[in-house]
């Protein structure tokens, strides 16, 4: 019976080793799936960042145009007020 006992022990250890290996493989596959999801999220975040950077550039350009228009309107108002004063002073 020593041979049978040893064979059973070896088969039992082999079964435990296979279970451990299957658990490690499952954990690895789950880790890789999580990594893939994280990579996809990073790509989405990079796309959002690029879109937001473009929107910011557009907003800054618009703000500069509005500032220039504001300066032009202010200059014209000053000119108009000076003209009106000159007319009233005559």
PDB file of N, CA and C in Angstrom:
ATOM      1  N   UNK A   1       0.798  -1.202   0.000  1.00  0.00           N
ATOM      2  CA  UNK A   1       0.000   0.000   0.000  1.00  0.00           C
ATOM      3  C   UNK A   1       0.841   1.267   0.000  1.00  0.00           C
ATOM      4  N   UNK A   2       2.087   1.174   0.251  1.00  0.00           N
ATOM      5  CA  UNK A   2       2.948   2.344   0.262  1.00  0.00           C
ATOM      6  C   UNK A   2       2.999   2.968  -1.123  1.00  0.00           C
ATOM      7  N   UNK A   3       3.038   2.163  -2.176  1.00  0.00           N
ATOM      8  CA  UNK A   3       3.041   2.680  -3.541  1.00  0.00           C
ATOM      9  C   UNK A   3       1.741   3.384  -3.872  1.00  0.00           C
ATOM     10  N   UNK A   4       0.611   2.813  -3.431  1.00  0.00           N
ATOM     11  CA  UNK A   4      -0.688   3.445  -3.667  1.00  0.00           C
ATOM     12  C   UNK A   4      -0.806   4.765  -2.906  1.00  0.00           C
ATOM     13  N   UNK A   5      -0.340   4.758  -1.680  1.00  0.00           N
ATOM     14  CA  UNK A   5      -0.399   5.961  -0.865  1.00  0.00           C
ATOM     15  C   UNK A   5       0.470   7.051  -1.490  1.00  0.00           C
ATOM     16  N   UNK A   6       1.643   6.687  -1.913  1.00  0.00           N
ATOM     17  CA  UNK A   6       2.541   7.656  -2.520  1.00  0.00           C
ATOM     18  C   UNK A   6       1.947   8.179  -3.819  1.00  0.00           C
ATOM     19  N   UNK A   7       1.358   7.305  -4.625  1.00  0.00           N
ATOM     20  CA  UNK A   7       0.736   7.715  -5.887  1.00  0.00           C
ATOM     21  C   UNK A   7      -0.425   8.661  -5.624  1.00  0.00           C
ATOM     22  N   UNK A   8      -1.218   8.335  -4.593  1.00  0.00           N
ATOM     23  CA  UNK A   8      -2.354   9.211  -4.247  1.00  0.00           C
ATOM     24  C   UNK A   8      -1.847  10.577  -3.773  1.00  0.00           C
ATOM     25  N   UNK A   9      -0.788  10.575  -2.986  1.00  0.00           N
ATOM     26  CA  UNK A   9      -0.218  11.832  -2.511  1.00  0.00           C
ATOM     27  C   UNK A   9       0.309  12.667  -3.671  1.00  0.00           C
ATOM     28  N   UNK A  10       0.985  11.994  -4.597  1.00  0.00           N
ATOM     29  CA  UNK A  10       1.528  12.700  -5.766  1.00  0.00           C
ATOM     30  C   UNK A  10       0.397  13.262  -6.611  1.00  0.00           C
ATOM     31  N   UNK A  11      -0.650  12.467  -6.828  1.00  0.00           N
ATOM     32  CA  UNK A  11      -1.798  12.934  -7.610  1.00  0.00           C
ATOM     33  C   UNK A  11      -2.481  14.094  -6.882  1.00  0.00           C
ATOM     34  N   UNK A  12      -2.596  13.999  -5.578  1.00  0.00           N
ATOM     35  CA  UNK A  12      -3.190  15.089  -4.787  1.00  0.00           C
ATOM     36  C   UNK A  12      -2.371  16.366  -4.893  1.00  0.00           C
ATOM     37  N   UNK A  13      -1.032  16.239  -4.776  1.00  0.00           N
ATOM     38  CA  UNK A  13      -0.167  17.415  -4.910  1.00  0.00           C
ATOM     39  C   UNK A  13      -0.244  18.004  -6.316  1.00  0.00           C
ATOM     40  N   UNK A  14      -0.306  17.098  -7.302  1.00  0.00           N
ATOM     41  CA  UNK A  14      -0.426  17.558  -8.688  1.00  0.00           C
ATOM     42  C   UNK A  14      -1.738  18.307  -8.882  1.00  0.00           C
ATOM     43  N   UNK A  15      -2.819  17.786  -8.315  1.00  0.00           N
ATOM     44  CA  UNK A  15      -4.123  18.470  -8.401  1.00  0.00           C
ATOM     45  C   UNK A  15      -4.069  19.845  -7.760  1.00  0.00           C
ATOM     46  N   UNK A  16      -3.427  19.947  -6.579  1.00  0.00           N
ATOM     47  CA  UNK A  16      -3.295  21.242  -5.895  1.00  0.00           C
ATOM     48  C   UNK A  16      -2.438  22.205  -6.719  1.00  0.00           C
ATOM     49  N   UNK A  17      -1.379  21.667  -7.317  1.00  0.00           N
ATOM     50  CA  UNK A  17      -0.511  22.512  -8.147  1.00  0.00           C
ATOM     51  C   UNK A  17      -1.270  23.026  -9.361  1.00  0.00           C
ATOM     52  N   UNK A  18      -2.085  22.160  -9.958  1.00  0.00           N
ATOM     53  CA  UNK A  18      -2.887  22.591 -11.116  1.00  0.00           C
ATOM     54  C   UNK A  18      -3.897  23.645 -10.691  1.00  0.00           C
ATOM     55  N   UNK A  19      -4.537  23.455  -9.542  1.00  0.00           N
ATOM     56  CA  UNK A  19      -5.481  24.462  -9.035  1.00  0.00           C
ATOM     57  C   UNK A  19      -4.783  25.796  -8.798  1.00  0.00           C
ATOM     58  N   UNK A  20      -3.592  25.737  -8.205  1.00  0.00           N
ATOM     59  CA  UNK A  20      -2.819  26.957  -7.965  1.00  0.00           C
ATOM     60  C   UNK A  20      -2.459  27.635  -9.279  1.00  0.00           C
ATOM     61  N   UNK A  21      -2.036  26.835 -10.263  1.00  0.00           N
ATOM     62  CA  UNK A  21      -1.696  27.378 -11.580  1.00  0.00           C
ATOM     63  C   UNK A  21      -2.911  28.001 -12.241  1.00  0.00           C
ATOM     64  N   UNK A  22      -4.062  27.340 -12.170  1.00  0.00           N
ATOM     65  CA  UNK A  22      -5.282  27.899 -12.746  1.00  0.00           C
ATOM     66  C   UNK A  22      -5.660  29.208 -12.068  1.00  0.00           C
ATOM     67  N   UNK A  23      -5.500  29.261 -10.759  1.00  0.00           N
ATOM     68  CA  UNK A  23      -5.773  30.509 -10.034  1.00  0.00           C
ATOM     69  C   UNK A  23      -4.842  31.627 -10.465  1.00  0.00           C
ATOM     70  N   UNK A  24      -3.563  31.302 -10.658  1.00  0.00           N
ATOM     71  CA  UNK A  24      -2.588  32.305 -11.098  1.00  0.00           C
ATOM     72  C   UNK A  24      -2.899  32.784 -12.506  1.00  0.00           C
ATOM     73  N   UNK A  25      -3.289  31.867 -13.375  1.00  0.00           N
ATOM     74  CA  UNK A  25      -3.636  32.242 -14.748  1.00  0.00           C
ATOM     75  C   UNK A  25      -4.873  33.129 -14.750  1.00  0.00           C
ATOM     76  N   UNK A  26      -5.869  32.762 -13.952  1.00  0.00           N
ATOM     77  CA  UNK A  26      -7.094  33.575 -13.880  1.00  0.00           C
ATOM     78  C   UNK A  26      -6.778  34.979 -13.365  1.00  0.00           C
ATOM     79  N   UNK A  27      -5.922  35.048 -12.331  1.00  0.00           N
ATOM     80  CA  UNK A  27      -5.542  36.358 -11.790  1.00  0.00           C
ATOM     81  C   UNK A  27      -4.790  37.176 -12.832  1.00  0.00           C
ATOM     82  N   UNK A  28      -3.923  36.506 -13.573  1.00  0.00           N
ATOM     83  CA  UNK A  28      -3.162  37.203 -14.619  1.00  0.00           C
ATOM     84  C   UNK A  28      -4.087  37.725 -15.718  1.00  0.00           C
ATOM     85  N   UNK A  29      -5.033  36.904 -16.138  1.00  0.00           N
ATOM     86  CA  UNK A  29      -5.981  37.334 -17.171  1.00  0.00           C
ATOM     87  C   UNK A  29      -6.827  38.510 -16.688  1.00  0.00           C
ATOM     88  N   UNK A  30      -7.234  38.459 -15.429  1.00  0.00           N
ATOM     89  CA  UNK A  30      -8.010  39.565 -14.868  1.00  0.00           C
ATOM     90  C   UNK A  30      -7.161  40.834 -14.820  1.00  0.00           C
ATOM     91  N   UNK A  31      -5.901  40.668 -14.425  1.00  0.00           N
ATOM     92  CA  UNK A  31      -4.989  41.813 -14.375  1.00  0.00           C
ATOM     93  C   UNK A  31      -4.806  42.412 -15.771  1.00  0.00           C
ATOM     94  N   UNK A  32      -4.628  41.569 -16.760  1.00  0.00           N
ATOM     95  CA  UNK A  32      -4.456  42.066 -18.126  1.00  0.00           C
ATOM     96  C   UNK A  32      -5.725  42.748 -18.627  1.00  0.00           C
ATOM     97  N   UNK A  33      -6.895  42.231 -18.249  1.00  0.00           N
ATOM     98  CA  UNK A  33      -8.146  42.866 -18.640  1.00  0.00           C
ATOM     99  C   UNK A  33      -8.248  44.241 -17.988  1.00  0.00           C
ATOM    100  N   UNK A  34      -7.903  44.312 -16.698  1.00  0.00           N
ATOM    101  CA  UNK A  34      -7.921  45.598 -16.000  1.00  0.00           C
ATOM    102  C   UNK A  34      -6.944  46.570 -16.650  1.00  0.00           C
ATOM    103  N   UNK A  35      -5.771  46.074 -17.034  1.00  0.00           N
ATOM    104  CA  UNK A  35      -4.774  46.917 -17.684  1.00  0.00           C
ATOM    105  C   UNK A  35      -5.318  47.438 -19.017  1.00  0.00           C
ATOM    106  N   UNK A  36      -5.983  46.554 -19.762  1.00  0.00           N
ATOM    107  CA  UNK A  36      -6.563  46.974 -21.048  1.00  0.00           C
ATOM    108  C   UNK A  36      -7.622  48.042 -20.862  1.00  0.00           C
ATOM    109  N   UNK A  37      -8.446  47.885 -19.832  1.00  0.00           N
ATOM    110  CA  UNK A  37      -9.474  48.894 -19.542  1.00  0.00           C
ATOM    111  C   UNK A  37      -8.828  50.212 -19.120  1.00  0.00           C
ATOM    112  N   UNK A  38      -7.774  50.119 -18.326  1.00  0.00           N
ATOM    113  CA  UNK A  38      -7.077  51.336 -17.893  1.00  0.00           C
ATOM    114  C   UNK A  38      -6.435  52.030 -19.095  1.00  0.00           C
ATOM    115  N   UNK A  39      -5.859  51.247 -19.995  1.00  0.00           N
ATOM    116  CA  UNK A  39      -5.254  51.818 -21.206  1.00  0.00           C
ATOM    117  C   UNK A  39      -6.304  52.524 -22.061  1.00  0.00           C
ATOM    118  N   UNK A  40      -7.479  51.909 -22.186  1.00  0.00           N
ATOM    119  CA  UNK A  40      -8.568  52.538 -22.944  1.00  0.00           C
ATOM    120  C   UNK A  40      -9.001  53.839 -22.277  1.00  0.00           C
ATOM    121  N   UNK A  41      -9.059  53.844 -20.957  1.00  0.00           N
ATOM    122  CA  UNK A  41      -9.437  55.059 -20.226  1.00  0.00           C
ATOM    123  C   UNK A  41      -8.394  56.157 -20.429  1.00  0.00           C
ATOM    124  N   UNK A  42      -7.133  55.789 -20.416  1.00  0.00           N
ATOM    125  CA  UNK A  42      -6.066  56.773 -20.654  1.00  0.00           C
ATOM    126  C   UNK A  42      -6.206  57.366 -22.057  1.00  0.00           C
ATOM    127  N   UNK A  43      -6.523  56.532 -23.030  1.00  0.00           N
ATOM    128  CA  UNK A  43      -6.695  57.032 -24.396  1.00  0.00           C
ATOM    129  C   UNK A  43      -7.880  57.985 -24.473  1.00  0.00           C
ATOM    130  N   UNK A  44      -8.980  57.652 -23.781  1.00  0.00           N
ATOM    131  CA  UNK A  44     -10.140  58.558 -23.772  1.00  0.00           C
ATOM    132  C   UNK A  44      -9.774  59.878 -23.099  1.00  0.00           C
ATOM    133  N   UNK A  45      -9.016  59.793 -21.996  1.00  0.00           N
ATOM    134  CA  UNK A  45      -8.614  61.014 -21.300  1.00  0.00           C
ATOM    135  C   UNK A  45      -7.690  61.865 -22.169  1.00  0.00           C
ATOM    136  N   UNK A  46      -6.792  61.233 -22.912  1.00  0.00           N
ATOM    137  CA  UNK A  46      -5.908  61.984 -23.810  1.00  0.00           C
ATOM    138  C   UNK A  46      -6.709  62.664 -24.911  1.00  0.00           C
ATOM    139  N   UNK A  47      -7.718  61.967 -25.438  1.00  0.00           N
ATOM    140  CA  UNK A  47      -8.564  62.572 -26.467  1.00  0.00           C
ATOM    141  C   UNK A  47      -9.323  63.766 -25.888  1.00  0.00           C
ATOM    142  N   UNK A  48      -9.848  63.616 -24.666  1.00  0.00           N
ATOM    143  CA  UNK A  48     -10.544  64.729 -24.008  1.00  0.00           C
ATOM    144  C   UNK A  48      -9.596  65.895 -23.775  1.00  0.00           C
ATOM    145  N   UNK A  49      -8.379  65.591 -23.335  1.00  0.00           N
ATOM    146  CA  UNK A  49      -7.397  66.647 -23.079  1.00  0.00           C
ATOM    147  C   UNK A  49      -7.086  67.413 -24.358  1.00  0.00           C
ATOM    148  N   UNK A  50      -6.924  66.683 -25.448  1.00  0.00           N
ATOM    149  CA  UNK A  50      -6.631  67.340 -26.731  1.00  0.00           C
ATOM    150  C   UNK A  50      -7.806  68.217 -27.164  1.00  0.00           C
ATOM    151  N   UNK A  51      -9.027  67.696 -26.975  1.00  0.00           N
ATOM    152  CA  UNK A  51     -10.217  68.474 -27.344  1.00  0.00           C
ATOM    153  C   UNK A  51     -10.318  69.721 -26.480  1.00  0.00           C
ATOM    154  N   UNK A  52     -10.095  69.579 -25.185  1.00  0.00           N
ATOM    155  CA  UNK A  52     -10.168  70.728 -24.284  1.00  0.00           C
ATOM    156  C   UNK A  52      -9.073  71.749 -24.577  1.00  0.00           C
ATOM    157  N   UNK A  53      -7.889  71.273 -24.929  1.00  0.00           N
ATOM    158  CA  UNK A  53      -6.802  72.191 -25.286  1.00  0.00           C
ATOM    159  C   UNK A  53      -7.175  72.988 -26.527  1.00  0.00           C
ATOM    160  N   UNK A  54      -7.796  72.335 -27.502  1.00  0.00           N
ATOM    161  CA  UNK A  54      -8.229  73.030 -28.721  1.00  0.00           C
ATOM    162  C   UNK A  54      -9.305  74.057 -28.385  1.00  0.00           C
ATOM    163  N   UNK A  55     -10.259  73.683 -27.536  1.00  0.00           N
ATOM    164  CA  UNK A  55     -11.309  74.615 -27.140  1.00  0.00           C
ATOM    165  C   UNK A  55     -10.721  75.809 -26.388  1.00  0.00           C
ATOM    166  N   UNK A  56      -9.726  75.549 -25.536  1.00  0.00           N
ATOM    167  CA  UNK A  56      -9.077  76.634 -24.806  1.00  0.00           C
ATOM    168  C   UNK A  56      -8.364  77.580 -25.769  1.00  0.00           C
ATOM    169  N   UNK A  57      -7.650  77.015 -26.740  1.00  0.00           N
ATOM    170  CA  UNK A  57      -6.980  77.855 -27.740  1.00  0.00           C
ATOM    171  C   UNK A  57      -7.985  78.714 -28.491  1.00  0.00           C
ATOM    172  N   UNK A  58      -9.112  78.103 -28.880  1.00  0.00           N
ATOM    173  CA  UNK A  58     -10.150  78.853 -29.597  1.00  0.00           C
ATOM    174  C   UNK A  58     -10.724  79.962 -28.722  1.00  0.00           C
ATOM    175  N   UNK A  59     -10.955  79.656 -27.443  1.00  0.00           N
ATOM    176  CA  UNK A  59     -11.501  80.661 -26.520  1.00  0.00           C
ATOM    177  C   UNK A  59     -10.524  81.808 -26.302  1.00  0.00           C
ATOM    178  N   UNK A  60      -9.246  81.474 -26.179  1.00  0.00           N
ATOM    179  CA  UNK A  60      -8.243  82.533 -26.005  1.00  0.00           C
ATOM    180  C   UNK A  60      -8.158  83.414 -27.241  1.00  0.00           C
ATOM    181  N   UNK A  61      -8.231  82.802 -28.412  1.00  0.00           N
ATOM    182  CA  UNK A  61      -8.191  83.596 -29.647  1.00  0.00           C
ATOM    183  C   UNK A  61      -9.413  84.501 -29.732  1.00  0.00           C
ATOM    184  N   UNK A  62     -10.576  83.977 -29.348  1.00  0.00           N
ATOM    185  CA  UNK A  62     -11.804  84.789 -29.368  1.00  0.00           C
ATOM    186  C   UNK A  62     -11.695  85.930 -28.360  1.00  0.00           C
ATOM    187  N   UNK A  63     -11.148  85.648 -27.183  1.00  0.00           N
ATOM    188  CA  UNK A  63     -10.989  86.689 -26.162  1.00  0.00           C
ATOM    189  C   UNK A  63     -10.065  87.799 -26.671  1.00  0.00           C
ATOM    190  N   UNK A  64      -9.009  87.421 -27.365  1.00  0.00           N
ATOM    191  CA  UNK A  64      -8.106  88.429 -27.934  1.00  0.00           C
ATOM    192  C   UNK A  64      -8.826  89.278 -28.979  1.00  0.00           C
ATOM    193  N   UNK A  65      -9.640  88.631 -29.834  1.00  0.00           N
ATOM    194  CA  UNK A  65     -10.392  89.396 -30.841  1.00  0.00           C
ATOM    195  C   UNK A  65     -11.381  90.346 -30.172  1.00  0.00           C
ATOM    196  N   UNK A  66     -12.050  89.870 -29.126  1.00  0.00           N
ATOM    197  CA  UNK A  66     -13.005  90.725 -28.411  1.00  0.00           C
ATOM    198  C   UNK A  66     -12.291  91.886 -27.730  1.00  0.00           C
ATOM    199  N   UNK A  67     -11.117  91.634 -27.190  1.00  0.00           N
ATOM    200  CA  UNK A  67     -10.353  92.707 -26.557  1.00  0.00           C
ATOM    201  C   UNK A  67      -9.964  93.768 -27.585  1.00  0.00           C
ATOM    202  N   UNK A  68      -9.525  93.318 -28.749  1.00  0.00           N
ATOM    203  CA  UNK A  68      -9.175  94.269 -29.809  1.00  0.00           C
ATOM    204  C   UNK A  68     -10.410  95.059 -30.259  1.00  0.00           C
ATOM    205  N   UNK A  69     -11.542  94.386 -30.385  1.00  0.00           N
ATOM    206  CA  UNK A  69     -12.775  95.078 -30.768  1.00  0.00           C
ATOM    207  C   UNK A  69     -13.172  96.086 -29.693  1.00  0.00           C
ATOM    208  N   UNK A  70     -13.014  95.703 -28.438  1.00  0.00           N
ATOM    209  CA  UNK A  70     -13.330  96.601 -27.332  1.00  0.00           C
ATOM    210  C   UNK A  70     -12.447  97.848 -27.377  1.00  0.00           C
ATOM    211  N   UNK A  71     -11.156  97.651 -27.628  1.00  0.00           N
ATOM    212  CA  UNK A  71     -10.247  98.798 -27.738  1.00  0.00           C
ATOM    213  C   UNK A  71     -10.659  99.702 -28.891  1.00  0.00           C
ATOM    214  N   UNK A  72     -11.046  99.115 -30.009  1.00  0.00           N
ATOM    215  CA  UNK A  72     -11.460  99.911 -31.179  1.00  0.00           C
ATOM    216  C   UNK A  72     -12.734 100.697 -30.880  1.00  0.00           C
ATOM    217  N   UNK A  73     -13.691 100.057 -30.220  1.00  0.00           N
ATOM    218  CA  UNK A  73     -14.934 100.748 -29.859  1.00  0.00           C
ATOM    219  C   UNK A  73     -14.622 101.881 -28.881  1.00  0.00           C
ATOM    220  N   UNK A  74     -13.774 101.628 -27.928  1.00  0.00           N
ATOM    221  CA  UNK A  74     -13.408 102.664 -26.965  1.00  0.00           C
ATOM    222  C   UNK A  74     -12.743 103.841 -27.669  1.00  0.00           C
ATOM    223  N   UNK A  75     -11.833 103.533 -28.590  1.00  0.00           N
ATOM    224  CA  UNK A  75     -11.162 104.592 -29.336  1.00  0.00           C
ATOM    225  C   UNK A  75     -12.175 105.409 -30.134  1.00  0.00           C
ATOM    226  N   UNK A  76     -13.113 104.742 -30.758  1.00  0.00           N
ATOM    227  CA  UNK A  76     -14.126 105.460 -31.553  1.00  0.00           C
ATOM    228  C   UNK A  76     -15.035 106.302 -30.671  1.00  0.00           C
ATOM    229  N   UNK A  77     -15.376 105.781 -29.476  1.00  0.00           N
ATOM    230  CA  UNK A  77     -16.209 106.571 -28.562  1.00  0.00           C
ATOM    231  C   UNK A  77     -15.487 107.834 -28.115  1.00  0.00           C
ATOM    232  N   UNK A  78     -14.211 107.703 -27.812  1.00  0.00           N
ATOM    233  CA  UNK A  78     -13.435 108.873 -27.412  1.00  0.00           C
ATOM    234  C   UNK A  78     -13.410 109.890 -28.553  1.00  0.00           C
ATOM    235  N   UNK A  79     -13.190 109.436 -29.775  1.00  0.00           N
ATOM    236  CA  UNK A  79     -13.168 110.320 -30.938  1.00  0.00           C
ATOM    237  C   UNK A  79     -14.526 111.000 -31.117  1.00  0.00           C
ATOM    238  N   UNK A  80     -15.612 110.227 -30.961  1.00  0.00           N
ATOM    239  CA  UNK A  80     -16.958 110.797 -31.109  1.00  0.00           C
ATOM    240  C   UNK A  80     -17.228 111.829 -30.024  1.00  0.00           C
ATOM    241  N   UNK A  81     -16.829 111.535 -28.785  1.00  0.00           N
ATOM    242  CA  UNK A  81     -17.050 112.508 -27.698  1.00  0.00           C
ATOM    243  C   UNK A  81     -16.255 113.782 -27.942  1.00  0.00           C
ATOM    244  N   UNK A  82     -15.038 113.639 -28.414  1.00  0.00           N
ATOM    245  CA  UNK A  82     -14.229 114.828 -28.702  1.00  0.00           C
ATOM    246  C   UNK A  82     -14.854 115.642 -29.832  1.00  0.00           C
ATOM    247  N   UNK A  83     -15.371 114.966 -30.814  1.00  0.00           N
ATOM    248  CA  UNK A  83     -16.036 115.667 -31.928  1.00  0.00           C
ATOM    249  C   UNK A  83     -17.267 116.398 -31.442  1.00  0.00           C
ATOM    250  N   UNK A  84     -18.067 115.756 -30.596  1.00  0.00           N
ATOM    251  CA  UNK A  84     -19.287 116.379 -30.055  1.00  0.00           C
ATOM    252  C   UNK A  84     -18.923 117.588 -29.191  1.00  0.00           C
ATOM    253  N   UNK A  85     -17.878 117.485 -28.391  1.00  0.00           N
ATOM    254  CA  UNK A  85     -17.437 118.623 -27.560  1.00  0.00           C
ATOM    255  C   UNK A  85     -16.988 119.789 -28.446  1.00  0.00           C
ATOM    256  N   UNK A  86     -16.270 119.460 -29.485  1.00  0.00           N
ATOM    257  CA  UNK A  86     -15.795 120.491 -30.389  1.00  0.00           C
ATOM    258  C   UNK A  86     -16.970 121.214 -31.062  1.00  0.00           C
ATOM    259  N   UNK A  87     -17.969 120.447 -31.445  1.00  0.00           N
ATOM    260  CA  UNK A  87     -19.165 121.056 -32.066  1.00  0.00           C
ATOM    261  C   UNK A  87     -19.913 121.917 -31.067  1.00  0.00           C
ATOM    262  N   UNK A  88     -20.059 121.416 -29.832  1.00  0.00           N
ATOM    263  CA  UNK A  88     -20.798 122.188 -28.815  1.00  0.00           C
ATOM    264  C   UNK A  88     -20.046 123.441 -28.385  1.00  0.00           C
ATOM    265  N   UNK A  89     -18.729 123.426 -28.457  1.00  0.00           N
ATOM    266  CA  UNK A  89     -17.927 124.565 -28.050  1.00  0.00           C
ATOM    267  C   UNK A  89     -17.948 125.698 -29.085  1.00  0.00           C
ATOM    268  N   UNK A  90     -18.421 125.461 -30.255  1.00  0.00           N
ATOM    269  CA  UNK A  90     -18.436 126.512 -31.294  1.00  0.00           C
ATOM    270  C   UNK A  90     -19.453 127.548 -31.078  1.00  0.00           C
TER     271      UNK A  90
END
